[in-house]
Amino acid sequence: MPVQLDIDELVGRARDGVPRAIARLLSLVEDAHPRLPEVAAKLTPYTGNARVVGLTGPPGVGKSTSTSALLTALRARGLRVGVLAIDPSSPFSGGALLGDRIRMTEHATDPGVFIRSMATRGHLGGLSWATPQAVRVLDAAGFDVVLIETVGVGQSEVDVVKLADTTVVLLAPGMGDGIQAAKAGVLEIADVFVVNKADREGADATVHDLKQMISLVRREIRGPSWRQPIVRTVASRGEGVDDVVRALSDHHAWLVQREELPRRRAARAKDEVEAIAVQRLRAEIVDLRHGDRLAELAERVVARKIDPFAAAAELIADLRT
């Protein structure tokens, strides 16, 4: 890391679409660089234009293949696309294990595409804590669409709805995905369902099960206005992908028409602000842990001179002074 970091120049080059500048900004985000607040301040005026699409679903449904096929379809329409591929973390380095950039090599030389693998860093919701800031970088860099492909952690993979304007849930026949969707709450977060590998036996049954479940929960969860479409695809051959793009466009138009898009983005901003505040408080607690105060409180709890709630109250009081 150089001693002098010209944030203005870096942001300017990223705005010009220079891949190395975009990658550098994303590295600052992932490393929680001390000047990250300054980066966010410089980027914010240029944000709010990208459509953010989340792709989620159980492992093995073909999320990476679907993301690659969707990339091809969006690029055919002249749209610039940024991809954040959230991968499992290495228990040793904390880095991404799968490396979606390797799995999407056909797009590697396309100047209208930027792909970044990010590690979950142990986050159980299927996303990296840095993902909101990474979305901001790609948005400010002028990408028309930002795709977030999540790690595929199964029942806990619902956090993507907090970041995406449109959430796509991928399922596949023969994997028990319908039951998993009902149990995990994935049904509730989906704006668009995609049944991938639709050339396999059992695709019709999967679609039928989805329709039944949607009809049962629509009134309670979504209301009657947006009907979640079910799109069949064979992503490995590009079949049905144009239908997915149309479904995404239809949902975006619905969001704008119903003034739902500002509400979703306000909720996203609220979650992001809260996460940043909690992270800063946690860092201050870690600082106290390295001193004597937290150890002293812990010893008093063990000696039954104070209860844990009272100790926590004292700790919070120390943070406020």
Protein backbone atom coordinates (compact mmCIF):
# COMPACT_ATOMS: atom_id res chain seq x y z
CA MET A 1 0.00 0.00 0.00
CA PRO A 2 1.62 3.31 -1.03
CA VAL A 3 2.05 5.98 1.61
CA GLN A 4 0.03 8.50 -0.40
CA LEU A 5 -3.36 7.40 -1.72
CA ASP A 6 -5.06 9.89 -4.02
CA ILE A 7 -8.73 9.06 -3.50
CA ASP A 8 -9.94 11.70 -5.97
CA GLU A 9 -7.76 10.29 -8.73
CA LEU A 10 -8.77 6.72 -7.92
CA VAL A 11 -12.47 7.54 -7.98
CA GLY A 12 -12.03 9.51 -11.21
CA ARG A 13 -10.30 6.60 -12.94
CA ALA A 14 -12.97 4.20 -11.69
CA ARG A 15 -15.63 6.52 -13.10
CA ASP A 16 -13.76 6.32 -16.42
CA GLY A 17 -14.13 2.53 -16.29
CA VAL A 18 -10.48 1.68 -15.59
CA PRO A 19 -10.59 -1.91 -14.24
CA ARG A 20 -7.50 -1.55 -12.05
CA ALA A 21 -8.99 1.49 -10.31
CA ILE A 22 -12.28 -0.34 -9.70
CA ALA A 23 -10.39 -3.35 -8.35
CA ARG A 24 -8.33 -1.09 -6.08
CA LEU A 25 -11.44 0.51 -4.62
CA LEU A 26 -12.96 -2.92 -3.99
CA SER A 27 -9.75 -3.97 -2.23
CA LEU A 28 -10.00 -0.91 0.02
CA VAL A 29 -13.55 -1.97 0.84
CA GLU A 30 -12.64 -5.57 1.64
CA ASP A 31 -9.63 -4.52 3.72
CA ALA A 32 -11.71 -1.97 5.67
CA HIS A 33 -9.08 0.65 4.84
CA PRO A 34 -8.94 3.61 7.27
CA ARG A 35 -9.81 5.96 4.41
CA LEU A 36 -12.90 3.97 3.43
CA PRO A 37 -15.25 6.69 4.81
CA GLU A 38 -13.55 9.18 2.48
CA VAL A 39 -13.97 6.76 -0.43
CA ALA A 40 -17.68 6.37 0.34
CA ALA A 41 -18.12 10.16 0.50
CA LYS A 42 -16.50 10.59 -2.91
CA LEU A 43 -18.52 7.76 -4.51
CA THR A 44 -21.97 8.57 -3.11
CA PRO A 45 -22.87 11.44 -5.50
CA TYR A 46 -22.46 9.06 -8.44
CA THR A 47 -24.61 6.23 -7.07
CA GLY A 48 -28.28 5.30 -7.35
CA ASN A 49 -28.37 4.45 -11.05
CA ALA A 50 -27.48 0.74 -11.18
CA ARG A 51 -30.13 -1.95 -10.97
CA VAL A 52 -29.06 -4.43 -8.29
CA VAL A 53 -30.08 -8.03 -8.92
CA GLY A 54 -29.44 -10.81 -6.41
CA LEU A 55 -29.19 -14.45 -7.46
CA THR A 56 -29.56 -17.02 -4.74
CA GLY A 57 -30.55 -20.64 -4.20
CA PRO A 58 -29.30 -23.94 -2.81
CA PRO A 59 -25.94 -25.37 -3.94
CA GLY A 60 -25.95 -27.27 -7.22
CA VAL A 61 -28.74 -25.38 -8.98
CA GLY A 62 -26.33 -23.74 -11.42
CA LYS A 63 -26.03 -20.21 -10.04
CA SER A 64 -22.66 -19.48 -11.64
CA THR A 65 -23.76 -20.91 -14.99
CA SER A 66 -26.96 -18.86 -14.79
CA THR A 67 -25.02 -15.73 -13.87
CA SER A 68 -22.73 -16.22 -16.86
CA ALA A 69 -25.70 -16.76 -19.20
CA LEU A 70 -27.45 -13.70 -17.79
CA LEU A 71 -24.27 -11.69 -18.33
CA THR A 72 -24.29 -12.67 -22.00
CA ALA A 73 -27.95 -11.67 -22.39
CA LEU A 74 -27.50 -8.31 -20.67
CA ARG A 75 -24.38 -7.48 -22.67
CA ALA A 76 -26.29 -8.29 -25.88
CA ARG A 77 -28.60 -5.42 -24.87
CA GLY A 78 -25.66 -3.05 -24.52
CA LEU A 79 -25.71 -2.92 -20.73
CA ARG A 80 -22.54 -2.70 -18.63
CA VAL A 81 -22.60 -5.35 -15.91
CA GLY A 82 -20.70 -5.69 -12.65
CA VAL A 83 -20.72 -9.02 -10.81
CA LEU A 84 -20.02 -9.65 -7.14
CA ALA A 85 -19.62 -13.40 -6.71
CA ILE A 86 -19.77 -14.21 -3.01
CA ASP A 87 -17.74 -17.33 -2.26
CA PRO A 88 -17.03 -19.38 0.87
CA SER A 89 -14.02 -18.22 2.86
CA SER A 90 -10.76 -20.03 3.35
CA PRO A 91 -10.43 -20.85 7.07
CA PHE A 92 -6.77 -19.87 6.83
CA SER A 93 -6.53 -16.76 4.65
CA GLY A 94 -10.14 -15.58 4.77
CA GLY A 95 -10.10 -15.37 0.97
CA ALA A 96 -12.66 -16.66 -1.51
CA LEU A 97 -12.34 -20.37 -2.23
CA LEU A 98 -14.30 -20.98 -5.41
CA GLY A 99 -13.25 -18.00 -7.49
CA ASP A 100 -16.13 -17.24 -9.87
CA ARG A 101 -13.78 -15.22 -12.06
CA ILE A 102 -12.29 -18.55 -13.10
CA ARG A 103 -15.75 -19.95 -13.81
CA MET A 104 -16.68 -16.96 -16.01
CA THR A 105 -13.57 -16.73 -18.14
CA GLU A 106 -15.58 -16.15 -21.32
CA HIS A 107 -16.36 -12.64 -20.05
CA ALA A 108 -12.86 -11.87 -18.79
CA THR A 109 -11.82 -9.76 -21.78
CA ASP A 110 -15.11 -7.86 -22.13
CA PRO A 111 -14.55 -4.20 -21.12
CA GLY A 112 -18.25 -3.90 -20.31
CA VAL A 113 -18.02 -6.56 -17.60
CA PHE A 114 -16.30 -6.50 -14.23
CA ILE A 115 -16.30 -9.63 -12.04
CA ARG A 116 -15.08 -9.77 -8.47
CA SER A 117 -15.07 -12.76 -6.11
CA MET A 118 -15.59 -11.82 -2.49
CA ALA A 119 -15.33 -14.01 0.60
CA THR A 120 -18.16 -14.35 3.11
CA ARG A 121 -15.61 -14.09 5.95
CA GLY A 122 -17.81 -16.35 8.06
CA HIS A 123 -21.01 -14.39 7.52
CA LEU A 124 -23.85 -16.91 7.72
CA GLY A 125 -26.33 -14.92 5.65
CA GLY A 126 -24.55 -15.77 2.41
CA LEU A 127 -23.00 -12.33 1.90
CA SER A 128 -19.78 -10.61 2.79
CA TRP A 129 -20.11 -7.71 5.26
CA ALA A 130 -18.38 -5.55 2.64
CA THR A 131 -20.94 -6.27 -0.09
CA PRO A 132 -22.99 -3.04 0.35
CA GLN A 133 -19.87 -0.91 -0.07
CA ALA A 134 -18.77 -3.03 -3.04
CA VAL A 135 -22.16 -2.44 -4.69
CA ARG A 136 -21.59 1.30 -4.20
CA VAL A 137 -18.24 1.08 -5.99
CA LEU A 138 -19.71 -0.67 -9.04
CA ASP A 139 -22.73 1.63 -9.08
CA ALA A 140 -20.53 4.73 -9.03
CA ALA A 141 -18.29 3.22 -11.70
CA GLY A 142 -21.23 3.43 -14.11
CA PHE A 143 -22.40 -0.16 -14.38
CA ASP A 144 -26.02 -0.41 -15.47
CA VAL A 145 -26.63 -3.68 -13.65
CA VAL A 146 -24.90 -5.16 -10.60
CA LEU A 147 -25.39 -8.91 -10.16
CA ILE A 148 -24.81 -10.39 -6.71
CA GLU A 149 -24.36 -14.14 -6.85
CA THR A 150 -24.45 -15.57 -3.35
CA VAL A 151 -22.51 -18.46 -1.94
CA GLY A 152 -25.31 -21.02 -1.81
CA VAL A 153 -25.47 -21.72 1.89
CA GLY A 154 -29.00 -23.11 1.81
CA GLN A 155 -31.39 -22.19 4.60
CA SER A 156 -29.52 -19.11 5.84
CA GLU A 157 -29.21 -17.55 2.41
CA VAL A 158 -31.75 -14.77 2.68
CA ASP A 159 -29.63 -11.66 3.33
CA VAL A 160 -29.40 -10.90 -0.38
CA VAL A 161 -32.93 -9.47 -0.28
CA LYS A 162 -31.59 -6.62 1.87
CA LEU A 163 -29.26 -5.53 -0.93
CA ALA A 164 -31.07 -6.29 -4.16
CA ASP A 165 -33.75 -4.36 -6.00
CA THR A 166 -34.81 -7.68 -7.49
CA THR A 167 -34.09 -11.09 -5.98
CA VAL A 168 -33.95 -14.16 -8.22
CA VAL A 169 -34.25 -17.55 -6.54
CA LEU A 170 -32.93 -20.45 -8.59
CA LEU A 171 -34.22 -23.97 -8.09
CA ALA A 172 -33.68 -27.23 -9.95
CA PRO A 173 -35.74 -30.39 -10.33
CA GLY A 174 -34.90 -33.46 -8.33
CA MET A 175 -33.17 -31.66 -5.46
CA GLY A 176 -36.02 -31.17 -3.03
CA ASP A 177 -35.74 -27.43 -3.57
CA GLY A 178 -39.46 -26.81 -3.22
CA ILE A 179 -39.45 -28.14 0.34
CA GLN A 180 -36.24 -26.24 1.14
CA ALA A 181 -37.76 -23.01 -0.17
CA ALA A 182 -40.80 -23.39 2.07
CA LYS A 183 -38.66 -24.14 5.13
CA ALA A 184 -35.96 -21.56 4.61
CA GLY A 185 -38.11 -18.58 3.85
CA VAL A 186 -36.60 -18.35 0.38
CA LEU A 187 -40.10 -18.33 -1.05
CA GLU A 188 -40.82 -15.04 0.67
CA ILE A 189 -37.71 -13.24 -0.62
CA ALA A 190 -38.10 -14.19 -4.29
CA ASP A 191 -39.24 -11.64 -6.84
CA VAL A 192 -38.54 -14.03 -9.71
CA PHE A 193 -38.25 -17.80 -9.61
CA VAL A 194 -36.01 -19.60 -12.09
CA VAL A 195 -36.25 -23.36 -12.48
CA ASN A 196 -32.89 -24.17 -14.04
CA LYS A 197 -31.97 -27.48 -15.65
CA ALA A 198 -35.56 -27.55 -16.90
CA ASP A 199 -34.70 -30.28 -19.42
CA ARG A 200 -34.43 -32.75 -16.55
CA GLU A 201 -37.14 -35.06 -15.36
CA GLY A 202 -39.20 -33.51 -12.60
CA ALA A 203 -39.15 -29.93 -13.92
CA ASP A 204 -42.92 -29.88 -14.38
CA ALA A 205 -43.43 -31.10 -10.83
CA THR A 206 -41.09 -28.41 -9.47
CA VAL A 207 -42.98 -25.68 -11.32
CA HIS A 208 -46.30 -27.09 -10.10
CA ASP A 209 -45.11 -27.17 -6.49
CA LEU A 210 -43.87 -23.60 -6.75
CA LYS A 211 -47.19 -22.38 -8.13
CA GLN A 212 -49.02 -24.02 -5.26
CA MET A 213 -46.75 -22.50 -2.62
CA ILE A 214 -46.92 -19.06 -4.21
CA SER A 215 -50.70 -19.15 -4.18
CA LEU A 216 -50.68 -20.04 -0.48
CA VAL A 217 -48.42 -17.22 0.72
CA ARG A 218 -48.99 -14.41 -1.79
CA ARG A 219 -51.73 -12.68 0.16
CA GLU A 220 -49.86 -12.85 3.44
CA ILE A 221 -46.38 -11.94 2.21
CA ARG A 222 -46.57 -10.08 -1.09
CA GLY A 223 -50.11 -8.96 -1.60
CA PRO A 224 -51.91 -9.41 -4.90
CA SER A 225 -50.05 -6.77 -6.93
CA TRP A 226 -46.82 -8.52 -7.94
CA ARG A 227 -47.15 -12.07 -9.18
CA GLN A 228 -43.80 -13.81 -8.92
CA PRO A 229 -43.10 -15.31 -12.34
CA ILE A 230 -41.62 -18.77 -12.74
CA VAL A 231 -39.14 -19.00 -15.60
CA ARG A 232 -37.73 -22.24 -16.94
CA THR A 233 -34.12 -22.21 -18.11
CA VAL A 234 -31.34 -24.46 -19.28
CA ALA A 235 -28.55 -22.01 -18.48
CA SER A 236 -25.79 -24.22 -19.86
CA ARG A 237 -27.36 -23.78 -23.32
CA GLY A 238 -28.67 -20.25 -22.81
CA GLU A 239 -32.27 -21.41 -23.09
CA GLY A 240 -34.88 -19.28 -21.34
CA VAL A 241 -32.37 -16.61 -20.28
CA ASP A 242 -34.08 -13.91 -22.38
CA ASP A 243 -37.26 -14.70 -20.45
CA VAL A 244 -35.37 -14.06 -17.22
CA VAL A 245 -34.20 -10.68 -18.53
CA ARG A 246 -37.78 -9.78 -19.40
CA ALA A 247 -38.96 -10.81 -15.94
CA LEU A 248 -36.27 -8.60 -14.38
CA SER A 249 -37.35 -5.66 -16.53
CA ASP A 250 -41.00 -6.23 -15.67
CA HIS A 251 -40.21 -6.28 -11.96
CA HIS A 252 -38.12 -3.12 -12.18
CA ALA A 253 -40.97 -1.35 -13.99
CA TRP A 254 -43.36 -2.51 -11.25
CA LEU A 255 -41.00 -1.21 -8.55
CA VAL A 256 -40.87 2.21 -10.20
CA GLN A 257 -44.60 2.37 -10.89
CA ARG A 258 -45.56 1.45 -7.31
CA GLU A 259 -42.80 3.66 -5.83
CA GLU A 260 -41.46 0.54 -4.18
CA LEU A 261 -37.88 1.09 -5.41
CA PRO A 262 -37.18 4.09 -3.13
CA ARG A 263 -38.65 2.21 -0.17
CA ARG A 264 -36.41 -0.81 -0.77
CA ARG A 265 -33.35 1.35 -1.17
CA ALA A 266 -34.15 3.31 1.98
CA ALA A 267 -34.41 0.02 3.89
CA ARG A 268 -31.07 -1.01 2.37
CA ALA A 269 -29.45 2.23 3.52
CA LYS A 270 -30.88 1.81 7.00
CA ASP A 271 -29.37 -1.69 7.31
CA GLU A 272 -26.03 -0.46 5.98
CA VAL A 273 -25.83 2.46 8.43
CA GLU A 274 -26.73 0.16 11.31
CA ALA A 275 -24.11 -2.41 10.25
CA ILE A 276 -21.38 0.25 10.06
CA ALA A 277 -22.34 1.61 13.49
CA VAL A 278 -22.33 -1.88 15.05
CA GLN A 279 -18.96 -2.64 13.46
CA ARG A 280 -17.45 0.52 14.92
CA LEU A 281 -18.85 -0.25 18.36
CA ARG A 282 -17.46 -3.78 18.13
CA ALA A 283 -14.04 -2.36 17.25
CA GLU A 284 -14.16 -0.13 20.34
CA ILE A 285 -15.06 -3.14 22.49
CA VAL A 286 -12.10 -5.02 21.04
CA ASP A 287 -9.88 -2.10 22.07
CA LEU A 288 -11.23 -2.38 25.62
CA ARG A 289 -10.63 -6.13 25.52
CA HIS A 290 -6.94 -5.50 24.96
CA GLY A 291 -6.92 -3.29 28.08
CA ASP A 292 -7.80 -4.15 31.66
CA ARG A 293 -11.41 -2.97 31.81
CA LEU A 294 -13.13 -5.91 30.10
CA ALA A 295 -10.96 -8.43 31.98
CA GLU A 296 -11.89 -6.72 35.24
CA LEU A 297 -15.61 -6.92 34.44
CA ALA A 298 -15.29 -10.59 33.48
CA GLU A 299 -13.56 -11.42 36.78
CA ARG A 300 -16.33 -9.64 38.72
CA VAL A 301 -18.95 -11.71 36.86
CA VAL A 302 -17.12 -14.96 37.64
CA ALA A 303 -16.83 -13.90 41.30
CA ARG A 304 -20.60 -13.25 41.32
CA LYS A 305 -20.06 -9.65 42.38
CA ILE A 306 -21.96 -8.42 39.36
CA ASP A 307 -24.30 -9.99 36.81
CA PRO A 308 -23.51 -10.02 33.04
CA PHE A 309 -26.21 -7.45 32.24
CA ALA A 310 -24.83 -4.99 34.75
CA ALA A 311 -21.32 -5.63 33.44
CA ALA A 312 -22.49 -4.95 29.89
CA ALA A 313 -24.14 -1.71 31.07
CA GLU A 314 -20.83 -0.60 32.60
CA LEU A 315 -19.01 -1.51 29.39
CA ILE A 316 -21.44 0.56 27.33
CA ALA A 317 -21.05 3.45 29.76
CA ASP A 318 -17.28 3.26 29.28
CA LEU A 319 -17.76 3.44 25.50
CA ARG A 320 -19.81 6.62 25.87
CA THR A 321 -17.22 8.43 27.96
